[in-house]
């Protein structure tokens, strides 16, 4: 990826400060990365009026911001704030042009369309919003399974946007951790099926749904490529596949982007 360097340098309380963004334009579903050096620990980065934490990485601090698939396009301010804003730049969010998709479920699965998913949503969403200072990944993510992508991130279907990538493979195919993580949720839910949520630290989590078998336990620390489960069609699924989602501070983004570059 060609880096567009947006740099500022100023003397603030006798410190040299520098910030860098990867680009000036992003698409819906992408992840914004801001690298800051020489800053105070109590600063926040604000995007679209929402404050985001900056976490330590080596000698710098990094802020990651997820752009959801239904985010309004246009120009937005990105600000570093220490009480009041003292640096601002702008980025542009462009449309991703996601495809339309119609899903037809087998008759045996249709009752699940009316299932009460309040509790499973609460459990999974809470896990996907977890924050911790320690970064457990140290390189680009790997694909958790090799197979055919049957539904891409952001596809418009059944009245909403697909918040992950569906990867079809034979039942029992192993699913691997794409990066180092702490296992935050292991569960068997009516709609999501057998599910694992991994917390990678610093606001990054991934979710794996419709598994046939789960091979990890909660609070287990896993390294990249460790087997966490096997492909299945549990829950509301049309056939054996993995639903893989990646969340940045609770916001769904395209996980495939994380396999081609290091955040």
Protein backbone atom coordinates (compact mmCIF):
# COMPACT_ATOMS: atom_id res chain seq x y z
CA UNK A 1 0.00 0.00 0.00
CA UNK A 2 1.35 3.38 -1.00
CA UNK A 3 1.72 5.46 2.12
CA UNK A 4 0.50 8.99 1.94
CA UNK A 5 2.42 10.82 4.60
CA UNK A 6 0.57 13.41 6.60
CA UNK A 7 3.06 14.80 9.05
CA UNK A 8 3.01 17.63 11.51
CA UNK A 9 5.79 18.68 13.84
CA UNK A 10 5.37 21.24 16.58
CA UNK A 11 6.80 22.04 19.94
CA UNK A 12 4.20 21.23 22.60
CA UNK A 13 5.36 21.51 26.18
CA UNK A 14 8.94 21.19 24.95
CA UNK A 15 8.26 17.93 23.08
CA UNK A 16 8.56 17.20 19.35
CA UNK A 17 5.32 15.66 18.06
CA UNK A 18 4.70 13.82 14.84
CA UNK A 19 1.59 12.09 13.46
CA UNK A 20 1.22 9.95 10.37
CA UNK A 21 -1.78 8.50 8.58
CA UNK A 22 -1.53 5.71 6.04
CA UNK A 23 -3.67 7.55 3.48
CA UNK A 24 -5.94 10.52 2.94
CA UNK A 25 -8.78 8.44 1.48
CA UNK A 26 -10.41 5.30 2.84
CA UNK A 27 -13.33 3.11 1.82
CA UNK A 28 -16.21 1.86 3.91
CA UNK A 29 -15.10 -1.26 5.78
CA UNK A 30 -11.43 -0.28 5.99
CA UNK A 31 -9.27 0.45 9.04
CA UNK A 32 -7.64 3.82 9.66
CA UNK A 33 -4.21 3.70 11.30
CA UNK A 34 -2.68 6.76 12.95
CA UNK A 35 0.90 6.62 14.27
CA UNK A 36 1.92 9.30 16.78
CA UNK A 37 5.32 9.91 18.36
CA UNK A 38 6.38 12.31 21.11
CA UNK A 39 2.91 12.68 22.65
CA UNK A 40 1.50 12.68 26.16
CA UNK A 41 -0.19 9.53 27.40
CA UNK A 42 -3.46 11.33 28.20
CA UNK A 43 -4.22 12.37 24.62
CA UNK A 44 -7.11 10.98 22.59
CA UNK A 45 -7.71 10.84 18.88
CA UNK A 46 -11.17 11.98 17.81
CA UNK A 47 -12.88 10.87 14.60
CA UNK A 48 -16.46 11.82 13.72
CA UNK A 49 -16.88 13.16 17.25
CA UNK A 50 -15.89 9.86 18.90
CA UNK A 51 -12.69 9.61 21.02
CA UNK A 52 -10.39 6.64 20.42
CA UNK A 53 -7.46 5.48 22.57
CA UNK A 54 -3.85 5.53 21.42
CA UNK A 55 -1.98 2.41 22.51
CA UNK A 56 1.79 2.01 22.88
CA UNK A 57 3.59 0.17 20.09
CA UNK A 58 7.39 0.15 20.40
CA UNK A 59 8.40 3.80 21.01
CA UNK A 60 5.25 5.27 19.44
CA UNK A 61 1.51 5.19 20.00
CA UNK A 62 -1.03 3.86 17.51
CA UNK A 63 -4.73 4.52 17.08
CA UNK A 64 -6.87 2.18 14.97
CA UNK A 65 -10.32 3.28 13.80
CA UNK A 66 -12.82 1.03 12.06
CA UNK A 67 -15.08 2.38 9.30
CA UNK A 68 -18.30 0.31 9.30
CA UNK A 69 -19.82 -0.84 5.99
CA UNK A 70 -22.79 1.54 6.29
CA UNK A 71 -20.74 4.62 7.26
CA UNK A 72 -21.77 7.81 5.48
CA UNK A 73 -19.29 8.85 2.82
CA UNK A 74 -17.74 12.29 2.80
CA UNK A 75 -14.97 14.33 4.42
CA UNK A 76 -14.22 14.01 8.15
CA UNK A 77 -11.87 15.63 10.64
CA UNK A 78 -9.29 13.59 12.52
CA UNK A 79 -8.13 15.41 15.66
CA UNK A 80 -5.58 14.87 18.40
CA UNK A 81 -6.99 16.21 21.63
CA UNK A 82 -5.47 17.00 24.98
CA UNK A 83 -8.58 18.45 26.55
CA UNK A 84 -9.02 20.70 23.51
CA UNK A 85 -8.01 19.84 19.92
CA UNK A 86 -4.48 20.94 19.05
CA UNK A 87 -4.02 19.20 15.72
CA UNK A 88 -6.51 18.44 12.95
CA UNK A 89 -6.35 16.88 9.51
CA UNK A 90 -9.07 15.63 7.17
CA UNK A 91 -9.71 12.34 5.42
CA UNK A 92 -12.28 11.29 2.88
CA UNK A 93 -14.41 8.14 3.15
CA UNK A 94 -15.40 6.70 -0.23
CA UNK A 95 -18.17 4.15 -0.98
CA UNK A 96 -17.18 0.48 -1.19
CA UNK A 97 -20.02 -0.49 -3.57
CA UNK A 98 -20.94 -3.75 -1.85
CA UNK A 99 -22.94 -6.32 -3.83
CA UNK A 100 -26.50 -7.43 -3.14
CA UNK A 101 -26.99 -11.02 -1.97
CA UNK A 102 -30.07 -13.11 -1.29
CA UNK A 103 -29.82 -15.95 1.23
CA UNK A 104 -32.24 -18.88 1.18
CA UNK A 105 -32.22 -21.07 4.26
CA UNK A 106 -33.13 -24.77 4.38
CA UNK A 107 -36.59 -25.51 5.78
CA UNK A 108 -35.09 -27.05 8.92
CA UNK A 109 -33.33 -23.76 9.72
CA UNK A 110 -36.29 -21.42 9.15
CA UNK A 111 -37.51 -21.45 12.79
CA UNK A 112 -34.17 -19.88 13.77
CA UNK A 113 -35.15 -16.73 11.86
CA UNK A 114 -37.63 -16.06 14.68
CA UNK A 115 -35.32 -17.08 17.53
CA UNK A 116 -34.70 -14.70 20.41
CA UNK A 117 -31.02 -13.79 20.05
CA UNK A 118 -30.94 -11.09 22.72
CA UNK A 119 -28.64 -13.02 25.05
CA UNK A 120 -26.21 -14.32 22.45
CA UNK A 121 -25.92 -10.84 20.94
CA UNK A 122 -25.21 -9.38 24.36
CA UNK A 123 -22.48 -11.92 25.11
CA UNK A 124 -20.77 -11.64 21.73
CA UNK A 125 -21.02 -7.85 21.42
CA UNK A 126 -19.63 -7.35 24.90
CA UNK A 127 -16.63 -9.51 24.01
CA UNK A 128 -16.09 -7.69 20.71
CA UNK A 129 -15.82 -4.38 22.58
CA UNK A 130 -13.19 -5.50 25.07
CA UNK A 131 -10.13 -3.28 25.47
CA UNK A 132 -6.71 -4.17 26.86
CA UNK A 133 -3.35 -2.42 26.62
CA UNK A 134 -1.32 -5.43 25.55
CA UNK A 135 -0.98 -6.16 21.84
CA UNK A 136 -1.00 -9.92 21.20
CA UNK A 137 -0.45 -9.78 17.44
CA UNK A 138 2.87 -8.86 15.84
CA UNK A 139 2.39 -9.32 12.10
CA UNK A 140 -0.27 -9.41 9.41
CA UNK A 141 -3.12 -11.82 10.14
CA UNK A 142 -3.39 -15.11 8.30
CA UNK A 143 -6.62 -16.52 6.88
CA UNK A 144 -8.19 -18.79 9.51
CA UNK A 145 -9.20 -21.36 6.91
CA UNK A 146 -8.64 -22.04 3.23
CA UNK A 147 -11.81 -22.33 1.17
CA UNK A 148 -14.23 -20.56 -1.14
CA UNK A 149 -15.51 -17.13 -0.15
CA UNK A 150 -19.28 -17.38 -0.51
CA UNK A 151 -20.19 -14.02 1.00
CA UNK A 152 -17.83 -11.07 1.21
CA UNK A 153 -17.71 -8.43 3.88
CA UNK A 154 -20.35 -5.72 3.49
CA UNK A 155 -22.64 -7.66 1.15
CA UNK A 156 -26.18 -6.31 1.42
CA UNK A 157 -28.46 -9.17 2.33
CA UNK A 158 -31.66 -9.81 4.22
CA UNK A 159 -32.08 -6.13 5.02
CA UNK A 160 -28.60 -5.47 6.41
CA UNK A 161 -24.87 -5.56 5.78
CA UNK A 162 -22.77 -8.70 6.19
CA UNK A 163 -20.37 -8.02 9.05
CA UNK A 164 -17.79 -10.63 8.15
CA UNK A 165 -16.54 -13.00 5.48
CA UNK A 166 -18.12 -16.41 4.87
CA UNK A 167 -15.64 -19.11 3.83
CA UNK A 168 -17.03 -22.45 2.67
CA UNK A 169 -15.06 -25.65 3.26
CA UNK A 170 -15.73 -29.29 4.07
CA UNK A 171 -17.13 -30.08 7.48
CA UNK A 172 -14.30 -30.72 9.91
CA UNK A 173 -11.75 -28.50 8.15
CA UNK A 174 -9.52 -26.95 10.78
CA UNK A 175 -9.91 -23.26 11.70
CA UNK A 176 -6.77 -21.53 12.94
CA UNK A 177 -6.16 -18.37 14.96
CA UNK A 178 -5.14 -15.66 12.47
CA UNK A 179 -2.95 -13.99 15.10
CA UNK A 180 -2.02 -14.22 18.76
CA UNK A 181 -4.99 -13.77 21.06
CA UNK A 182 -6.81 -14.44 24.31
CA UNK A 183 -9.92 -16.62 23.97
CA UNK A 184 -12.66 -14.39 25.39
CA UNK A 185 -15.82 -16.38 24.49
CA UNK A 186 -16.59 -20.02 23.81
CA UNK A 187 -20.28 -20.72 23.31
CA UNK A 188 -23.01 -22.63 21.54
CA UNK A 189 -25.78 -20.24 20.47
CA UNK A 190 -29.08 -20.77 18.62
CA UNK A 191 -28.23 -18.52 15.63
CA UNK A 192 -24.45 -18.02 15.70
CA UNK A 193 -23.96 -21.72 16.45
CA UNK A 194 -20.77 -22.90 18.08
CA UNK A 195 -18.75 -19.70 18.37
CA UNK A 196 -15.30 -18.53 19.45
CA UNK A 197 -14.31 -14.91 20.06
CA UNK A 198 -10.61 -14.00 20.19
CA UNK A 199 -9.32 -10.80 21.76
CA UNK A 200 -6.07 -9.68 20.14
CA UNK A 201 -5.61 -6.69 22.43
CA UNK A 202 -5.78 -2.91 21.99
CA UNK A 203 -9.43 -3.02 20.92
CA UNK A 204 -9.11 -5.71 18.21
CA UNK A 205 -11.26 -8.85 18.35
CA UNK A 206 -12.30 -11.56 15.90
CA UNK A 207 -15.28 -13.92 15.87
CA UNK A 208 -15.74 -17.42 14.39
CA UNK A 209 -19.26 -18.78 13.98
CA UNK A 210 -21.08 -21.98 12.90
CA UNK A 211 -18.24 -24.26 14.03
CA UNK A 212 -18.76 -28.00 14.24
CA UNK A 213 -16.16 -28.42 16.98
CA UNK A 214 -14.45 -25.98 19.34
CA UNK A 215 -10.84 -26.77 20.28
CA UNK A 216 -10.07 -24.03 22.82
CA UNK A 217 -11.37 -22.85 26.19
CA UNK A 218 -12.06 -19.39 27.57
CA UNK A 219 -9.03 -17.44 28.86
CA UNK A 220 -6.65 -19.64 26.86
CA UNK A 221 -3.81 -17.74 25.17
CA UNK A 222 -3.25 -18.88 21.60
CA UNK A 223 -0.51 -18.13 19.11
CA UNK A 224 -0.99 -17.50 15.42
CA UNK A 225 -2.04 -20.66 13.48
CA UNK A 226 -3.16 -22.62 16.58
CA UNK A 227 -6.28 -24.70 15.82
CA UNK A 228 -9.32 -23.14 17.52
CA UNK A 229 -12.08 -25.23 15.93
CA UNK A 230 -13.42 -27.04 12.90
CA UNK A 231 -15.81 -25.98 10.14
CA UNK A 232 -19.51 -26.80 10.61
CA UNK A 233 -23.01 -25.52 9.96
CA UNK A 234 -24.31 -25.07 13.50
CA UNK A 235 -26.82 -22.31 14.12
CA UNK A 236 -28.41 -20.40 11.24
CA UNK A 237 -26.25 -21.63 8.37
CA UNK A 238 -27.06 -22.91 4.89
CA UNK A 239 -24.05 -25.25 4.63
CA UNK A 240 -20.70 -25.91 6.30
CA UNK A 241 -18.71 -22.68 6.38
CA UNK A 242 -16.90 -20.25 8.67
CA UNK A 243 -18.23 -16.79 9.38
CA UNK A 244 -15.13 -14.74 10.22
CA UNK A 245 -15.56 -11.22 11.56
CA UNK A 246 -13.01 -8.65 12.71
CA UNK A 247 -13.88 -5.72 14.97
CA UNK A 248 -11.96 -2.55 15.79
CA UNK A 249 -13.24 -1.12 19.09
CA UNK A 250 -16.52 -2.95 18.43
CA UNK A 251 -16.85 -1.73 14.82
CA UNK A 252 -16.96 -4.37 12.05
CA UNK A 253 -14.33 -4.02 9.32
CA UNK A 254 -13.20 -6.18 6.40
CA UNK A 255 -10.89 -8.85 7.87
CA UNK A 256 -9.28 -9.55 4.49
CA UNK A 257 -7.51 -6.16 4.70
CA UNK A 258 -5.72 -7.37 7.81
CA UNK A 259 -4.21 -10.32 5.87
CA UNK A 260 -2.39 -8.13 3.35
CA UNK A 261 -0.81 -5.57 5.68
CA UNK A 262 0.26 -5.22 9.28
CA UNK A 263 -1.74 -2.89 11.49
